[in-house]
Protein backbone atom coordinates (compact mmCIF):
# COMPACT_ATOMS: atom_id res chain seq x y z
CA MET A 1 -22.00 -99.51 215.72
CA SER A 2 -18.69 -97.87 214.86
CA GLU A 3 -17.35 -95.22 217.16
CA SER A 4 -17.85 -91.89 215.43
CA ASN A 5 -18.44 -88.23 216.20
CA SER A 6 -21.80 -88.48 214.46
CA GLY A 7 -22.90 -91.79 215.94
CA ALA A 8 -25.77 -92.01 218.40
CA ARG A 9 -24.66 -90.65 221.77
CA SER A 10 -25.87 -91.61 225.24
CA ASN A 11 -26.75 -88.06 226.32
CA GLY A 12 -30.16 -88.25 224.71
CA LYS A 13 -29.48 -85.61 222.05
CA ILE A 14 -30.62 -86.12 218.48
CA THR A 15 -27.77 -87.07 216.18
CA GLY A 16 -27.26 -87.09 212.45
CA GLU A 17 -27.91 -90.81 212.30
CA ASP A 18 -31.18 -90.30 214.17
CA GLU A 19 -32.38 -87.69 211.69
CA VAL A 20 -31.20 -88.80 208.30
CA VAL A 21 -33.99 -91.25 207.47
CA ASP A 22 -36.77 -88.79 208.29
CA LEU A 23 -34.98 -86.02 206.37
CA CYS A 24 -34.72 -88.28 203.35
CA ARG A 25 -38.39 -89.28 203.59
CA ASP A 26 -39.50 -85.66 203.94
CA LEU A 27 -37.56 -84.67 200.83
CA ILE A 28 -38.93 -87.58 198.79
CA ARG A 29 -42.48 -86.58 199.72
CA ILE A 30 -41.95 -83.19 198.07
CA ASP A 31 -42.67 -83.90 194.41
CA THR A 32 -39.86 -82.09 192.61
CA SER A 33 -40.33 -83.80 189.24
CA ASN A 34 -38.44 -82.01 186.48
CA TYR A 35 -40.20 -82.23 183.11
CA GLY A 36 -37.48 -80.41 181.20
CA ASP A 37 -39.43 -77.20 180.61
CA HIS A 38 -39.95 -73.99 182.57
CA SER A 39 -42.00 -75.74 185.25
CA GLY A 40 -40.47 -77.17 188.39
CA PRO A 41 -43.25 -78.22 190.73
CA GLY A 42 -41.96 -78.64 194.23
CA GLU A 43 -38.49 -77.14 193.80
CA ARG A 44 -39.49 -73.99 195.68
CA ALA A 45 -41.03 -76.09 198.46
CA ALA A 46 -37.86 -78.20 198.68
CA ALA A 47 -35.68 -75.07 198.79
CA GLU A 48 -37.77 -73.67 201.64
CA TYR A 49 -37.65 -76.98 203.52
CA VAL A 50 -33.86 -77.10 203.28
CA ALA A 51 -33.55 -73.44 204.27
CA GLU A 52 -35.72 -74.04 207.34
CA LYS A 53 -33.60 -77.00 208.44
CA LEU A 54 -30.41 -74.98 208.06
CA ALA A 55 -31.82 -71.91 209.81
CA GLU A 56 -32.84 -74.05 212.80
CA VAL A 57 -29.17 -74.63 213.58
CA GLY A 58 -28.06 -71.03 213.19
CA LEU A 59 -27.16 -70.67 209.50
CA GLU A 60 -28.45 -67.89 207.26
CA PRO A 61 -29.45 -69.68 204.06
CA GLN A 62 -30.40 -67.79 200.92
CA ILE A 63 -32.98 -68.90 198.38
CA PHE A 64 -32.35 -67.98 194.74
CA GLU A 65 -35.26 -68.28 192.31
CA SER A 66 -34.11 -68.20 188.68
CA HIS A 67 -37.63 -68.61 187.31
CA LYS A 68 -40.98 -68.90 189.06
CA GLY A 69 -40.74 -71.96 191.27
CA ARG A 70 -37.20 -72.90 190.17
CA ALA A 71 -35.39 -72.30 193.46
CA SER A 72 -32.02 -73.26 194.98
CA THR A 73 -30.75 -72.84 198.54
CA VAL A 74 -27.20 -71.80 199.42
CA ALA A 75 -25.53 -71.33 202.82
CA ARG A 76 -21.97 -70.92 204.07
CA ILE A 77 -20.58 -72.44 207.26
CA ALA A 78 -17.63 -70.59 208.78
CA GLY A 79 -14.66 -72.88 209.41
CA GLU A 80 -11.98 -72.87 212.09
CA ASP A 81 -9.40 -71.52 209.64
CA PRO A 82 -10.90 -68.90 207.29
CA SER A 83 -7.56 -68.55 205.50
CA ARG A 84 -7.93 -72.02 203.99
CA PRO A 85 -9.74 -72.52 200.66
CA ALA A 86 -13.40 -73.45 201.05
CA LEU A 87 -15.12 -76.75 200.20
CA LEU A 88 -18.40 -76.94 198.27
CA ILE A 89 -20.91 -79.70 199.05
CA HIS A 90 -23.63 -79.65 196.41
CA GLY A 91 -26.74 -81.67 195.71
CA HIS A 92 -29.86 -81.26 193.60
CA THR A 93 -33.43 -81.43 194.84
CA ASP A 94 -35.17 -82.09 191.52
CA VAL A 95 -35.93 -85.62 190.28
CA VAL A 96 -37.01 -87.22 187.03
CA PRO A 97 -40.75 -87.95 186.78
CA ALA A 98 -42.20 -91.28 187.90
CA ASN A 99 -45.37 -93.19 187.02
CA ALA A 100 -46.85 -94.42 190.31
CA ASP A 101 -48.62 -97.36 188.62
CA ASP A 102 -45.24 -98.93 187.82
CA TRP A 103 -43.95 -98.86 191.41
CA THR A 104 -44.26 -101.30 194.31
CA HIS A 105 -44.55 -98.34 196.69
CA HIS A 106 -45.72 -94.88 195.64
CA PRO A 107 -42.69 -92.94 194.33
CA PHE A 108 -43.45 -89.89 196.48
CA SER A 109 -44.40 -91.67 199.70
CA GLY A 110 -40.97 -92.16 201.26
CA GLU A 111 -42.15 -95.61 202.35
CA ILE A 112 -39.84 -97.74 204.50
CA ALA A 113 -39.91 -101.38 203.48
CA ASP A 114 -37.40 -104.23 203.35
CA GLY A 115 -34.81 -102.11 205.14
CA CYS A 116 -34.92 -99.36 202.52
CA VAL A 117 -36.40 -95.91 201.99
CA TRP A 118 -38.35 -96.08 198.72
CA GLY A 119 -39.15 -93.23 196.38
CA ARG A 120 -38.09 -91.11 193.46
CA GLY A 121 -34.84 -89.42 194.46
CA ALA A 122 -33.85 -92.05 197.03
CA VAL A 123 -30.44 -92.36 195.33
CA ASP A 124 -30.65 -89.49 192.83
CA MET A 125 -30.07 -87.64 195.01
CA LYS A 126 -32.19 -86.85 198.04
CA ASP A 127 -30.19 -89.41 200.00
CA MET A 128 -27.09 -87.20 199.78
CA ASP A 129 -29.17 -84.08 200.46
CA ALA A 130 -30.48 -85.72 203.62
CA MET A 131 -27.05 -86.97 204.70
CA THR A 132 -25.58 -83.50 204.22
CA LEU A 133 -28.38 -81.87 206.21
CA ALA A 134 -28.09 -84.47 208.97
CA VAL A 135 -24.32 -84.05 209.34
CA VAL A 136 -24.41 -80.25 209.22
CA ARG A 137 -27.25 -80.01 211.71
CA ASP A 138 -25.51 -82.40 214.12
CA ARG A 139 -22.19 -80.58 213.91
CA LEU A 140 -23.71 -77.15 214.42
CA ARG A 141 -25.92 -78.30 217.30
CA SER A 142 -22.87 -79.70 219.06
CA GLY A 143 -20.67 -76.68 218.25
CA ARG A 144 -18.25 -78.56 215.97
CA LYS A 145 -17.08 -76.15 213.32
CA PRO A 146 -15.49 -77.62 210.18
CA PRO A 147 -11.75 -77.10 209.67
CA ARG A 148 -12.45 -74.73 206.76
CA ASP A 149 -15.40 -72.87 205.29
CA ILE A 150 -18.04 -75.07 203.68
CA VAL A 151 -20.50 -73.82 201.10
CA LEU A 152 -23.72 -75.82 200.89
CA ALA A 153 -25.74 -75.71 197.67
CA PHE A 154 -29.08 -77.52 197.22
CA LEU A 155 -29.89 -76.97 193.58
CA ALA A 156 -32.80 -76.95 191.17
CA ASP A 157 -32.91 -78.35 187.65
CA GLU A 158 -29.92 -80.71 187.57
CA GLU A 159 -31.97 -83.35 185.76
CA ALA A 160 -32.45 -81.01 182.78
CA GLY A 161 -28.95 -79.55 182.59
CA GLY A 162 -28.95 -77.16 185.55
CA VAL A 163 -29.93 -74.03 183.60
CA TYR A 164 -32.26 -72.91 186.40
CA GLY A 165 -29.97 -74.17 189.15
CA ALA A 166 -26.19 -74.49 189.18
CA ARG A 167 -25.69 -72.75 185.84
CA HIS A 168 -27.80 -69.79 186.99
CA LEU A 169 -25.84 -69.44 190.25
CA VAL A 170 -22.46 -69.74 188.54
CA ASN A 171 -23.38 -67.14 185.92
CA LYS A 172 -25.33 -64.68 188.09
CA HIS A 173 -24.00 -65.22 191.63
CA PRO A 174 -20.40 -66.47 191.41
CA ASP A 175 -19.58 -64.58 194.62
CA LEU A 176 -21.43 -67.30 196.54
CA PHE A 177 -18.51 -69.61 195.78
CA GLU A 178 -15.72 -67.18 196.63
CA GLY A 179 -12.65 -69.05 197.80
CA VAL A 180 -13.99 -72.51 196.92
CA THR A 181 -11.35 -74.73 195.33
CA GLU A 182 -12.81 -78.24 195.75
CA ALA A 183 -16.25 -79.82 195.73
CA ILE A 184 -18.07 -83.08 196.34
CA GLY A 185 -21.39 -84.06 194.84
CA GLU A 186 -23.39 -87.02 193.57
CA VAL A 187 -22.75 -90.46 192.06
CA GLY A 188 -19.61 -91.48 193.89
CA GLY A 189 -18.50 -93.11 197.12
CA PHE A 190 -20.82 -96.11 196.72
CA SER A 191 -19.56 -99.62 197.38
CA PHE A 192 -18.87 -102.63 195.20
CA THR A 193 -18.19 -105.78 197.20
CA VAL A 194 -15.37 -107.82 195.67
CA ASN A 195 -15.20 -110.47 198.38
CA GLU A 196 -15.39 -110.80 202.18
CA ASN A 197 -12.04 -109.05 202.53
CA LEU A 198 -12.46 -106.15 200.12
CA ARG A 199 -15.04 -103.53 199.22
CA LEU A 200 -14.24 -100.97 196.55
CA TYR A 201 -15.80 -97.52 196.90
CA LEU A 202 -16.02 -95.78 193.54
CA VAL A 203 -15.14 -92.07 193.72
CA GLU A 204 -16.11 -90.15 190.62
CA THR A 205 -13.13 -88.30 189.12
CA ALA A 206 -14.39 -87.89 185.55
CA GLN A 207 -17.58 -87.39 183.54
CA LYS A 208 -18.32 -87.96 179.90
CA GLY A 209 -19.26 -85.00 177.75
CA MET A 210 -22.59 -84.65 175.98
CA HIS A 211 -23.84 -83.96 172.49
CA TRP A 212 -27.61 -84.13 172.16
CA MET A 213 -28.35 -83.77 168.47
CA ARG A 214 -31.04 -83.77 165.81
CA LEU A 215 -30.45 -85.66 162.57
CA THR A 216 -32.34 -84.58 159.46
CA VAL A 217 -32.66 -86.05 155.99
CA ASP A 218 -34.48 -84.27 153.18
CA GLY A 219 -35.99 -86.36 150.41
CA THR A 220 -38.64 -86.20 147.73
CA ALA A 221 -42.25 -86.12 148.89
CA GLY A 222 -44.80 -88.20 147.02
CA HIS A 223 -47.71 -90.60 147.02
CA GLY A 224 -47.28 -93.68 149.16
CA SER A 225 -48.34 -95.94 146.30
CA MET A 226 -45.52 -94.78 144.03
CA THR A 227 -41.96 -96.05 143.81
CA ASN A 228 -39.66 -93.48 145.42
CA ASN A 229 -35.89 -93.85 145.39
CA ASP A 230 -35.42 -90.68 147.44
CA ASN A 231 -37.42 -91.57 150.53
CA ALA A 232 -36.17 -89.52 153.49
CA ILE A 233 -37.39 -92.10 156.00
CA THR A 234 -35.48 -94.92 154.34
CA GLU A 235 -32.28 -92.92 154.18
CA LEU A 236 -32.55 -91.74 157.77
CA CYS A 237 -33.43 -95.17 159.17
CA GLU A 238 -30.45 -96.75 157.47
CA ALA A 239 -28.16 -94.09 158.96
CA VAL A 240 -29.71 -94.41 162.41
CA GLY A 241 -29.39 -98.18 162.22
CA ARG A 242 -25.69 -97.88 161.40
CA LEU A 243 -25.20 -95.49 164.29
CA GLY A 244 -27.18 -97.52 166.81
CA ARG A 245 -25.23 -100.68 166.01
CA HIS A 246 -21.81 -99.03 165.83
CA LYS A 247 -19.35 -100.00 168.55
CA PHE A 248 -16.93 -97.16 169.10
CA PRO A 249 -13.34 -98.17 169.91
CA VAL A 250 -12.18 -98.64 173.49
CA ARG A 251 -10.35 -95.56 174.79
CA MET A 252 -8.51 -95.67 178.11
CA THR A 253 -8.80 -92.40 180.02
CA LYS A 254 -6.76 -92.06 183.20
CA SER A 255 -9.83 -92.50 185.43
CA VAL A 256 -10.93 -95.67 183.63
CA ARG A 257 -7.37 -97.00 183.62
CA GLY A 258 -7.09 -96.24 187.35
CA PHE A 259 -10.31 -98.13 188.08
CA LEU A 260 -9.31 -101.12 185.96
CA ASP A 261 -5.86 -101.27 187.56
CA GLU A 262 -7.45 -101.29 191.02
CA LEU A 263 -9.98 -103.91 189.92
CA SER A 264 -7.22 -106.06 188.43
CA ASP A 265 -5.34 -105.93 191.72
CA ALA A 266 -8.51 -106.69 193.70
CA LEU A 267 -9.39 -109.69 191.54
CA GLY A 268 -5.82 -110.90 191.37
CA THR A 269 -5.96 -111.16 187.59
CA GLU A 270 -4.68 -109.15 184.66
CA LEU A 271 -7.45 -107.50 182.68
CA ASP A 272 -7.33 -107.30 178.91
CA PRO A 273 -8.54 -103.90 177.59
CA GLU A 274 -9.29 -105.58 174.26
CA ASP A 275 -11.61 -108.12 175.90
CA MET A 276 -13.70 -105.95 178.17
CA ASP A 277 -16.79 -108.16 177.96
CA ALA A 278 -15.10 -110.69 180.22
CA THR A 279 -14.16 -107.93 182.64
CA LEU A 280 -17.67 -106.51 182.76
CA GLU A 281 -19.14 -109.92 183.57
CA LYS A 282 -17.30 -109.75 186.89
CA LEU A 283 -18.87 -106.41 187.88
CA GLY A 284 -22.50 -107.39 188.35
CA GLY A 285 -24.91 -104.45 188.50
CA ILE A 286 -22.30 -101.71 188.13
CA ALA A 287 -21.24 -103.12 184.75
CA LYS A 288 -23.84 -100.80 183.19
CA MET A 289 -22.09 -97.79 184.70
CA ILE A 290 -18.55 -98.90 183.92
CA GLY A 291 -19.14 -100.38 180.47
CA THR A 292 -20.22 -97.08 178.95
CA THR A 293 -17.07 -95.34 180.19
CA LEU A 294 -14.81 -97.48 177.99
CA ARG A 295 -15.85 -95.81 174.74
CA ASN A 296 -17.86 -92.99 173.20
CA THR A 297 -21.55 -93.76 172.69
CA ALA A 298 -24.41 -92.53 170.53
CA ALA A 299 -27.91 -93.76 171.33
CA PRO A 300 -30.82 -92.99 168.97
CA THR A 301 -33.77 -92.00 171.16
CA MET A 302 -36.49 -90.40 169.00
CA LEU A 303 -37.79 -90.63 165.40
CA GLY A 304 -40.16 -88.33 163.56
CA ALA A 305 -41.58 -88.16 160.03
CA GLY A 306 -44.78 -87.90 158.06
CA TYR A 307 -48.38 -86.98 158.76
CA LYS A 308 -50.45 -89.46 156.70
CA VAL A 309 -50.04 -93.13 155.87
CA ASN A 310 -50.30 -92.66 152.10
CA VAL A 311 -47.91 -89.69 151.89
CA ILE A 312 -44.14 -90.11 151.63
CA PRO A 313 -42.78 -87.15 153.61
CA GLY A 314 -40.13 -84.81 152.30
CA GLN A 315 -38.21 -84.85 155.57
CA ALA A 316 -37.42 -87.23 158.42
CA THR A 317 -35.72 -86.51 161.75
CA ALA A 318 -34.13 -88.42 164.60
CA HIS A 319 -32.69 -87.43 167.96
CA VAL A 320 -29.52 -88.93 169.38
CA ASP A 321 -27.97 -88.84 172.85
CA GLY A 322 -24.23 -88.74 172.25
CA ARG A 323 -21.61 -89.03 175.04
CA PHE A 324 -17.86 -88.66 174.62
CA LEU A 325 -14.93 -89.44 176.89
CA PRO A 326 -12.59 -86.74 178.22
CA GLY A 327 -10.13 -85.87 175.46
CA TYR A 328 -12.11 -87.58 172.68
CA GLU A 329 -14.73 -85.03 171.56
CA GLU A 330 -13.11 -84.29 168.19
CA GLU A 331 -12.70 -87.99 167.41
CA PHE A 332 -16.33 -88.58 168.38
CA LEU A 333 -17.72 -85.94 166.01
CA THR A 334 -15.50 -87.16 163.16
CA ASP A 335 -16.71 -90.71 163.69
CA LEU A 336 -20.34 -89.56 163.78
CA ASP A 337 -20.14 -87.87 160.39
CA TRP A 338 -18.42 -90.88 158.85
CA ILE A 339 -21.07 -93.27 160.20
CA LEU A 340 -24.04 -91.10 159.21
CA GLY A 341 -22.88 -90.27 155.70
CA PRO A 342 -23.27 -87.15 153.54
CA ARG A 343 -27.08 -87.17 153.30
CA VAL A 344 -27.64 -86.67 157.02
CA GLN A 345 -27.58 -83.17 158.46
CA ARG A 346 -26.41 -83.12 162.10
CA GLU A 347 -27.60 -80.27 164.34
CA SER A 348 -26.41 -79.82 167.92
CA LEU A 349 -29.22 -79.24 170.43
CA HIS A 350 -27.34 -79.31 173.73
CA THR A 351 -23.67 -79.80 174.47
CA ASP A 352 -21.65 -80.08 177.65
CA LYS A 353 -18.00 -80.69 178.25
CA ALA A 354 -16.26 -83.72 179.65
CA LEU A 355 -14.41 -83.47 182.98
CA GLU A 356 -11.48 -85.28 184.55
CA THR A 357 -9.30 -84.73 187.58
CA ASP A 358 -6.51 -86.72 189.21
CA PHE A 359 -7.26 -89.16 191.99
CA ASP A 360 -4.84 -87.69 194.50
CA GLY A 361 -4.40 -84.99 197.13
CA ALA A 362 -5.56 -84.31 200.67
CA LEU A 363 -9.25 -84.46 199.81
CA VAL A 364 -8.90 -87.96 198.36
CA ASP A 365 -6.88 -88.99 201.42
CA ALA A 366 -9.72 -87.72 203.64
CA MET A 367 -12.25 -89.76 201.66
CA GLN A 368 -10.19 -92.93 201.98
CA ALA A 369 -9.58 -92.42 205.69
CA ALA A 370 -13.26 -91.75 206.43
CA LEU A 371 -14.37 -94.84 204.50
CA LYS A 372 -11.72 -97.04 206.11
CA ALA A 373 -12.69 -95.89 209.60
CA GLU A 374 -16.29 -97.02 209.08
CA ASP A 375 -15.57 -100.03 206.86
CA PRO A 376 -12.20 -101.72 207.54
CA ILE A 377 -12.22 -103.51 204.17
CA ALA A 378 -12.85 -100.31 202.19
CA ARG A 379 -10.63 -99.14 199.36
CA ALA A 380 -11.43 -95.93 197.46
CA VAL A 381 -10.89 -96.11 193.69
CA PRO A 382 -11.43 -93.62 190.85
CA TYR A 383 -14.03 -94.05 188.13
CA CYS A 384 -15.63 -92.14 185.26
CA LEU A 385 -19.35 -91.31 185.27
CA SER A 386 -21.14 -92.03 182.00
CA GLY A 387 -23.52 -89.11 182.51
CA GLY A 388 -23.04 -85.61 183.86
CA THR A 389 -23.80 -83.59 187.00
CA ASP A 390 -23.78 -80.00 188.24
CA ALA A 391 -20.01 -80.38 188.63
CA LYS A 392 -19.71 -79.21 185.03
CA SER A 393 -21.05 -75.79 186.01
CA PHE A 394 -18.77 -75.50 189.03
CA ASP A 395 -15.79 -76.54 186.94
CA ASP A 396 -16.21 -73.23 185.09
CA LEU A 397 -15.21 -71.50 188.33
CA GLY A 398 -12.00 -73.53 188.53
CA ILE A 399 -13.39 -75.81 191.26
CA ARG A 400 -11.97 -79.34 191.35
CA CYS A 401 -14.96 -81.65 191.55
CA PHE A 402 -15.46 -85.20 192.81
CA GLY A 403 -18.47 -87.46 193.16
CA PHE A 404 -18.59 -88.55 196.80
CA ALA A 405 -21.95 -89.46 198.32
CA PRO A 406 -20.87 -92.41 200.48
CA LEU A 407 -23.09 -95.48 200.70
CA LYS A 408 -22.29 -99.02 201.82
CA LEU A 409 -24.60 -101.18 199.72
CA PRO A 410 -25.70 -104.80 199.94
CA PRO A 411 -24.01 -106.75 197.12
CA GLU A 412 -27.34 -107.88 195.68
CA LEU A 413 -28.72 -104.34 195.18
CA ASP A 414 -28.75 -103.20 191.55
CA PHE A 415 -27.51 -99.72 192.40
CA ALA A 416 -27.03 -98.59 188.79
CA GLY A 417 -30.60 -99.64 188.06
CA MET A 418 -31.91 -97.31 190.77
CA PHE A 419 -31.00 -94.19 188.78
CA HIS A 420 -34.14 -93.02 186.93
CA GLY A 421 -35.50 -96.55 187.35
CA VAL A 422 -38.66 -98.03 188.84
CA ASP A 423 -38.65 -98.87 192.58
CA GLU A 424 -35.73 -96.56 193.37
CA ARG A 425 -34.66 -97.09 196.98
CA VAL A 426 -31.76 -96.64 199.37
CA PRO A 427 -30.88 -98.87 202.36
CA VAL A 428 -31.56 -97.31 205.76
CA ASP A 429 -28.22 -98.65 207.01
CA GLY A 430 -26.56 -97.09 203.97
CA LEU A 431 -27.91 -93.66 204.88
CA LYS A 432 -26.61 -93.95 208.42
CA PHE A 433 -23.25 -95.18 207.15
CA GLY A 434 -23.10 -92.16 204.85
CA VAL A 435 -23.71 -89.81 207.75
CA ARG A 436 -20.83 -91.28 209.70
CA VAL A 437 -18.45 -91.18 206.74
CA LEU A 438 -19.38 -87.62 205.74
CA ASP A 439 -18.88 -86.44 209.31
CA ARG A 440 -15.40 -87.96 209.47
CA PHE A 441 -14.60 -86.61 206.02
CA ILE A 442 -15.60 -83.05 206.96
CA GLU A 443 -13.58 -83.29 210.17
CA ASN A 444 -10.41 -84.10 208.23
CA CYS A 445 -10.84 -82.35 204.89
């Protein structure tokens, strides 16, 4: 075991590493499935659980309920130097739903098997919630104040856009984040093993923006037995087919370029941006995460039309999940309209901005140093997240956001496939590694 402030000590006291697995299992056992509506079963229970764990070590957490059952927990830890800007550590307690029949172990059991904690939320993101709780509880029990104030936020509703969680707090309670200039959250700090001498740890510095949209085509209704040259379904399906097969051009944002430059150096080969398929083949499981950050994307996800087999409907609809790279929203929308054609009406249902920050500064240095201390072959690198997180809400307050939830992963684990997938799980050793890294990071941030 590495020497570390948060490592197991010989004085018999409980440490962060001792607690993190049980904390993670407890959180997984609280069913916080988010169905995308007003309901949020379990979010209140999770908020109360977190508040209890924080209160046990002397903090005064507050629970904010934006709608019945949709609850978030926030607490502030006083730092050694209150004149310094504060750091936000945020995580969400809600998860996407899971069908237990599809899983090897019940998704809300927190089962330990094959060296992993299994369950919905194991990587998205009750692992980071547990690591944060474990580190904070250990530091406060042992009287180790952080160098600066830290705001902790355990949030509802991230999986449906954060309306009842981060967005509510930012809009209604911005004072909670007074003095905060930087933040860390989910989907970053995980490892990708290049070889026995090098492990890259991907730190999220950018996120794609979002356009969820409804496509509508109006046509001429009629009898199904008649010839109809104005069939709304035919017109819509042709447009959706064009969109689904379209390959948007490669666009190099600074985060993607930074990652590819680091990867090129690590592999000892020059990468060709115009031949990214060959590059992606070298990335194994994380190719799914990286590949979608090279270009804008538009994925058709739902179709709707008609009510009877012998009736040609007068209208057909489709839903599309569109994602655009930082700096390319206008190009994306122009391309969409060109691909879809004049007959298709495009209606925006939900939009969110893209984010990007530079991979530099003292906070990044602290991440690299903490990783290197626990894994001598670690190298932190920037990357762009294909989805979005609560960071988009905190960005509205001028907070510089990173994804940093450190995990050292076995090379064979399909980490990208864990997100919203069946048999989601996190290695026990990875959780303990994360505790050690987070503790070092907080000590030097």
